[in-house]
N, C-alpha and C. Protein backbone atom coordinates (compact mmCIF):
# COMPACT_ATOMS: atom_id res chain seq x y z
N SER A 1 37.38 91.28 106.41
CA SER A 1 36.28 90.74 107.06
C SER A 1 36.90 89.36 107.58
N ALA A 2 36.02 88.80 108.38
CA ALA A 2 36.32 87.45 108.89
C ALA A 2 36.97 86.40 108.00
N ASN A 3 36.09 86.41 106.94
CA ASN A 3 36.27 85.34 105.97
C ASN A 3 37.46 85.38 105.03
N ILE A 4 38.17 86.49 105.20
CA ILE A 4 39.54 86.82 104.67
C ILE A 4 40.39 86.22 105.71
N PHE A 5 40.32 86.66 106.96
CA PHE A 5 40.93 86.87 107.96
C PHE A 5 41.28 84.55 108.15
N ALA A 6 40.07 84.18 107.70
CA ALA A 6 40.40 82.47 107.92
C ALA A 6 40.95 82.08 106.87
N GLN A 7 40.60 82.45 105.59
CA GLN A 7 41.51 82.28 104.73
C GLN A 7 43.13 82.30 104.67
N GLU A 8 43.20 83.45 105.25
CA GLU A 8 44.97 83.85 105.27
C GLU A 8 45.33 83.19 106.44
N ASN A 9 44.42 82.34 107.23
CA ASN A 9 44.68 81.50 108.43
C ASN A 9 44.88 80.16 108.32
N LYS A 10 44.41 79.58 106.74
CA LYS A 10 44.44 78.13 106.67
C LYS A 10 45.98 77.58 106.69
N PRO A 11 45.88 76.41 107.54
CA PRO A 11 47.21 75.76 107.26
C PRO A 11 47.79 75.21 105.85
N LYS A 12 48.98 75.65 105.45
CA LYS A 12 49.53 75.05 104.37
C LYS A 12 50.21 73.96 104.22
N TYR A 13 49.97 73.00 103.66
CA TYR A 13 50.27 71.67 103.65
C TYR A 13 51.22 71.47 102.24
N GLU A 14 52.61 70.83 102.44
CA GLU A 14 53.49 70.60 101.67
C GLU A 14 52.98 68.86 101.50
N MET A 15 52.47 68.75 100.15
CA MET A 15 52.28 67.27 99.66
C MET A 15 53.39 66.33 99.29
N ARG A 16 53.76 65.32 99.67
CA ARG A 16 54.79 64.25 99.73
C ARG A 16 54.42 63.09 99.21
N GLU A 17 55.33 62.38 98.06
CA GLU A 17 54.87 61.36 97.98
C GLU A 17 55.24 60.01 98.56
N TYR A 18 54.48 59.09 98.56
CA TYR A 18 54.97 58.10 99.92
C TYR A 18 54.61 56.68 98.69
N PHE A 19 55.08 55.39 99.08
CA PHE A 19 54.68 54.48 98.26
C PHE A 19 53.68 53.39 99.41
N PHE A 20 52.59 53.27 98.92
CA PHE A 20 51.46 52.56 99.48
C PHE A 20 51.90 51.05 98.85
N VAL A 21 52.41 49.52 99.89
CA VAL A 21 52.18 48.41 99.59
C VAL A 21 51.14 47.87 100.18
N MET A 22 50.35 47.17 99.40
CA MET A 22 49.46 46.04 100.12
C MET A 22 49.72 44.68 100.04
N LEU A 23 50.24 44.49 101.27
CA LEU A 23 50.38 43.01 101.01
C LEU A 23 49.12 42.06 101.03
N LYS A 24 49.34 40.73 100.67
CA LYS A 24 48.20 39.98 100.32
C LYS A 24 48.45 38.51 100.44
N LYS A 25 47.72 37.58 100.79
CA LYS A 25 48.00 36.29 100.65
C LYS A 25 48.61 35.68 99.47
N GLY A 26 49.82 35.15 99.47
CA GLY A 26 50.30 34.53 98.57
C GLY A 26 50.11 33.18 98.00
N PRO A 27 50.51 32.51 96.90
CA PRO A 27 49.91 31.24 96.03
C PRO A 27 50.62 29.92 97.30
N ASN A 28 51.90 30.43 97.93
CA ASN A 28 52.73 29.49 98.78
C ASN A 28 52.57 29.48 99.93
N ARG A 29 51.17 28.97 100.67
CA ARG A 29 51.07 29.19 102.01
C ARG A 29 51.06 27.79 103.02
N SER A 30 51.39 26.84 102.16
CA SER A 30 51.72 25.55 102.65
C SER A 30 52.80 25.10 103.54
N GLN A 31 53.60 25.94 103.80
CA GLN A 31 54.86 25.67 104.89
C GLN A 31 54.22 25.07 106.23
N ASP A 32 55.11 24.20 106.73
CA ASP A 32 54.87 23.66 107.74
C ASP A 32 55.01 25.03 108.81
N SER A 33 54.54 24.77 109.96
CA SER A 33 54.27 25.73 111.11
C SER A 33 55.71 26.14 111.48
N VAL A 34 56.77 25.33 111.64
CA VAL A 34 58.23 26.10 111.78
C VAL A 34 58.71 26.94 110.78
N THR A 35 58.35 26.58 109.66
CA THR A 35 59.00 27.17 108.36
C THR A 35 58.22 28.68 108.60
N ALA A 36 56.59 28.52 108.32
CA ALA A 36 55.85 29.68 108.52
C ALA A 36 56.34 30.63 109.53
N MET A 37 56.65 30.06 110.74
CA MET A 37 57.43 31.15 112.00
C MET A 37 58.63 31.77 111.89
N LYS A 38 59.51 30.84 111.00
CA LYS A 38 60.44 31.62 110.36
C LYS A 38 60.22 32.71 109.38
N LEU A 39 59.61 32.45 108.26
CA LEU A 39 59.37 33.23 107.34
C LEU A 39 58.49 34.72 108.33
N GLN A 40 57.75 34.70 109.05
CA GLN A 40 57.23 35.56 109.80
C GLN A 40 58.22 36.22 110.48
N GLU A 41 59.08 35.71 111.12
CA GLU A 41 60.33 36.48 111.67
C GLU A 41 61.18 37.19 110.85
N GLY A 42 61.57 36.48 109.46
CA GLY A 42 62.18 37.20 108.53
C GLY A 42 61.37 38.55 108.40
N HIS A 43 59.93 38.33 107.81
CA HIS A 43 59.34 39.57 107.53
C HIS A 43 59.07 40.53 108.43
N MET A 44 59.15 39.95 109.66
CA MET A 44 59.09 41.49 110.85
C MET A 44 60.63 41.73 110.70
N GLY A 45 61.71 40.99 110.53
CA GLY A 45 62.96 41.61 110.49
C GLY A 45 63.11 42.86 109.55
N ASN A 46 62.55 42.18 108.30
CA ASN A 46 62.50 43.23 107.22
C ASN A 46 61.81 44.61 107.45
N ILE A 47 60.50 44.45 107.86
CA ILE A 47 59.86 45.61 108.36
C ILE A 47 60.83 46.43 109.33
N THR A 48 61.44 45.94 110.65
CA THR A 48 62.30 46.57 111.44
C THR A 48 63.55 47.21 110.51
N ARG A 49 64.30 46.59 109.67
CA ARG A 49 65.31 46.69 109.00
C ARG A 49 64.78 48.45 108.12
N MET A 50 63.50 48.33 107.57
CA MET A 50 63.13 49.33 106.71
C MET A 50 63.22 50.49 107.43
N ALA A 51 62.35 50.62 108.77
CA ALA A 51 62.43 51.33 109.74
C ALA A 51 63.54 51.98 110.26
N GLU A 52 64.23 50.86 110.68
CA GLU A 52 65.51 51.47 111.19
C GLU A 52 66.29 52.66 110.10
N GLU A 53 66.07 52.11 108.67
CA GLU A 53 66.92 52.72 107.73
C GLU A 53 66.35 54.14 107.08
N GLY A 54 64.82 54.49 107.73
CA GLY A 54 64.08 55.66 107.59
C GLY A 54 63.40 55.36 106.34
N LYS A 55 63.32 54.11 105.40
CA LYS A 55 62.35 53.80 104.45
C LYS A 55 61.07 53.69 104.65
N LEU A 56 60.40 53.46 106.03
CA LEU A 56 58.99 53.11 106.49
C LEU A 56 58.48 54.30 107.17
N ALA A 57 57.18 54.35 106.80
CA ALA A 57 56.77 55.12 107.85
C ALA A 57 55.88 54.82 108.72
N ILE A 58 54.90 53.99 108.17
CA ILE A 58 54.23 53.00 109.12
C ILE A 58 53.83 51.44 108.40
N ALA A 59 53.49 50.79 109.33
CA ALA A 59 53.33 49.35 108.88
C ALA A 59 52.50 48.40 110.00
N GLY A 60 51.38 47.74 109.34
CA GLY A 60 50.63 47.21 109.78
C GLY A 60 49.85 46.11 109.31
N PRO A 61 49.47 44.94 110.20
CA PRO A 61 48.69 43.60 110.06
C PRO A 61 47.10 44.23 109.73
N PHE A 62 46.16 43.52 109.15
CA PHE A 62 44.77 43.54 109.09
C PHE A 62 44.36 42.29 110.03
N GLY A 63 43.23 42.70 111.02
CA GLY A 63 42.92 41.58 111.84
C GLY A 63 41.84 40.77 111.30
N ASP A 64 41.69 40.61 110.27
CA ASP A 64 40.34 39.74 110.04
C ASP A 64 40.85 38.46 109.37
N ASN A 65 41.93 38.12 109.25
CA ASN A 65 42.75 36.89 108.39
C ASN A 65 41.87 36.98 107.26
N GLY A 66 41.61 37.81 106.34
CA GLY A 66 41.30 37.63 105.20
C GLY A 66 42.86 37.77 104.08
N ASP A 67 42.25 37.86 102.91
CA ASP A 67 43.43 38.11 101.88
C ASP A 67 44.04 39.22 102.10
N TRP A 68 43.83 40.26 102.53
CA TRP A 68 44.72 41.29 103.13
C TRP A 68 45.41 40.82 104.25
N ARG A 69 46.77 41.14 104.13
CA ARG A 69 47.51 40.64 105.13
C ARG A 69 48.26 41.58 106.28
N GLY A 70 48.24 43.33 105.30
CA GLY A 70 48.70 43.97 106.08
C GLY A 70 49.19 45.36 105.11
N ILE A 71 49.56 46.26 105.48
CA ILE A 71 49.78 47.47 104.58
C ILE A 71 51.27 47.95 105.40
N LEU A 72 52.13 48.66 103.86
CA LEU A 72 53.27 49.45 104.21
C LEU A 72 53.10 50.65 103.63
N ILE A 73 53.72 51.69 104.22
CA ILE A 73 53.77 53.09 103.58
C ILE A 73 55.42 53.35 103.52
N LEU A 74 55.90 53.23 102.25
CA LEU A 74 57.48 53.62 102.27
C LEU A 74 57.51 55.06 101.94
N THR A 75 58.80 55.26 102.49
CA THR A 75 59.35 56.68 102.21
C THR A 75 60.58 56.92 101.56
N VAL A 76 60.48 55.66 100.41
CA VAL A 76 61.45 55.78 99.46
C VAL A 76 61.25 56.83 98.44
N LYS A 77 62.20 56.90 97.42
CA LYS A 77 62.02 58.00 96.32
C LYS A 77 61.40 57.54 94.97
N THR A 78 61.36 56.30 94.83
CA THR A 78 60.85 55.95 93.87
C THR A 78 60.30 54.33 93.65
N MET A 79 59.39 54.11 92.62
CA MET A 79 58.59 52.68 92.90
C MET A 79 59.77 51.62 92.69
N GLU A 80 60.85 52.01 91.61
CA GLU A 80 61.83 50.95 91.93
C GLU A 80 62.40 50.39 93.25
N GLU A 81 62.66 51.55 93.80
CA GLU A 81 63.22 51.23 95.09
C GLU A 81 62.53 50.61 96.43
N ALA A 82 60.89 51.27 95.78
CA ALA A 82 59.66 50.17 96.93
C ALA A 82 59.99 48.74 96.73
N LYS A 83 59.89 48.39 95.61
CA LYS A 83 59.81 47.05 94.82
C LYS A 83 61.10 46.49 95.50
N ILE A 84 62.26 47.02 95.54
CA ILE A 84 63.54 46.36 95.97
C ILE A 84 63.24 46.23 97.03
N GLU A 85 62.90 46.96 98.08
CA GLU A 85 62.77 46.85 99.45
C GLU A 85 61.71 45.87 99.85
N VAL A 86 60.51 45.46 99.31
CA VAL A 86 59.67 44.78 99.63
C VAL A 86 59.85 43.28 99.07
N GLU A 87 60.64 43.19 98.14
CA GLU A 87 61.24 41.76 97.70
C GLU A 87 62.20 41.49 98.21
N LYS A 88 63.21 42.13 99.25
CA LYS A 88 63.78 41.42 100.54
C LYS A 88 63.12 40.85 101.38
N ASP A 89 61.86 40.85 101.64
CA ASP A 89 61.23 40.10 102.73
C ASP A 89 60.82 38.81 102.45
N PRO A 90 61.91 37.85 103.15
CA PRO A 90 61.60 36.54 102.97
C PRO A 90 60.40 35.77 102.64
N ALA A 91 59.23 36.75 103.58
CA ALA A 91 57.84 35.91 103.08
C ALA A 91 57.43 36.28 101.49
N VAL A 92 57.62 37.26 100.95
CA VAL A 92 57.40 37.55 99.75
C VAL A 92 58.27 36.52 98.74
N GLN A 93 59.53 36.79 99.36
CA GLN A 93 60.46 35.53 98.29
C GLN A 93 59.98 34.05 98.27
N ALA A 94 59.25 33.80 99.20
CA ALA A 94 58.88 32.32 99.57
C ALA A 94 57.40 32.22 99.05
N GLY A 95 56.84 33.06 98.50
CA GLY A 95 55.30 33.31 98.06
C GLY A 95 54.53 33.16 98.56
N ARG A 96 54.69 33.45 99.92
CA ARG A 96 53.95 33.37 101.43
C ARG A 96 53.04 34.39 101.13
N LEU A 97 53.33 35.85 100.61
CA LEU A 97 53.01 36.92 100.46
C LEU A 97 53.29 37.71 98.86
N ILE A 98 52.23 38.05 98.36
CA ILE A 98 52.40 38.93 97.50
C ILE A 98 52.17 40.25 97.79
N TYR A 99 52.24 41.11 96.77
CA TYR A 99 52.24 42.54 97.08
C TYR A 99 51.81 43.61 95.79
N GLU A 100 51.15 44.39 96.20
CA GLU A 100 51.01 45.68 95.18
C GLU A 100 51.40 46.89 95.73
N ILE A 101 52.00 47.87 94.82
CA ILE A 101 52.34 49.03 95.20
C ILE A 101 51.84 50.25 94.51
N HIS A 102 51.62 51.25 95.15
CA HIS A 102 50.98 52.41 94.34
C HIS A 102 51.58 53.65 95.16
N PRO A 103 51.70 54.36 93.89
CA PRO A 103 52.13 55.80 94.49
C PRO A 103 51.23 56.78 95.25
N TRP A 104 51.36 57.22 96.41
CA TRP A 104 50.75 57.74 97.31
C TRP A 104 50.93 58.96 97.73
N TRP A 105 50.15 59.88 97.81
CA TRP A 105 50.64 61.28 98.28
C TRP A 105 49.56 61.91 99.51
N SER A 106 50.33 62.21 100.46
CA SER A 106 49.78 62.91 101.68
C SER A 106 50.42 64.04 102.25
N ALA A 107 49.83 65.01 102.76
CA ALA A 107 50.53 66.21 103.11
C ALA A 107 51.86 65.83 104.33
N ARG A 108 52.77 66.53 104.57
CA ARG A 108 53.77 66.54 105.63
C ARG A 108 52.97 66.91 106.89
N GLY A 109 53.33 66.22 108.00
CA GLY A 109 52.52 66.86 109.04
C GLY A 109 51.34 66.59 109.28
N SER A 110 51.04 65.39 108.64
CA SER A 110 49.83 65.00 108.99
C SER A 110 49.91 63.36 109.70
N LYS A 111 50.67 63.21 110.41
CA LYS A 111 51.00 62.19 111.26
C LYS A 111 52.20 61.27 110.80
N LEU A 112 52.28 61.53 109.13
CA LEU A 112 53.66 60.77 108.76
C LEU A 112 54.86 61.26 108.55
N PRO A 113 55.87 60.81 108.78
CA PRO A 113 57.17 61.77 108.58
C PRO A 113 57.43 62.60 107.16
């Protein structure tokens, strides 16, 4: 029947674990504008490094200037490795940003590597 055919042709997805990082405003945001700019440059440098090393699937800021500042989806193997990568960020080290990390599953081929 047509129903059996449709079930047989359903795409099959392989699930993969990623690490979802929520970046939030940290407690230390009183830097002068020059220091804040240098921290932002270092933050972007850390994102670029992770992408070049194949550890980052996607990243981006929120556009509403709220407490949530941005997200990262990391392709690393463990929670510990995710923490190590995020803690290399100068903005995190300075307390300008804080973070939460959660394991997150998605199907391979759903726009993420």
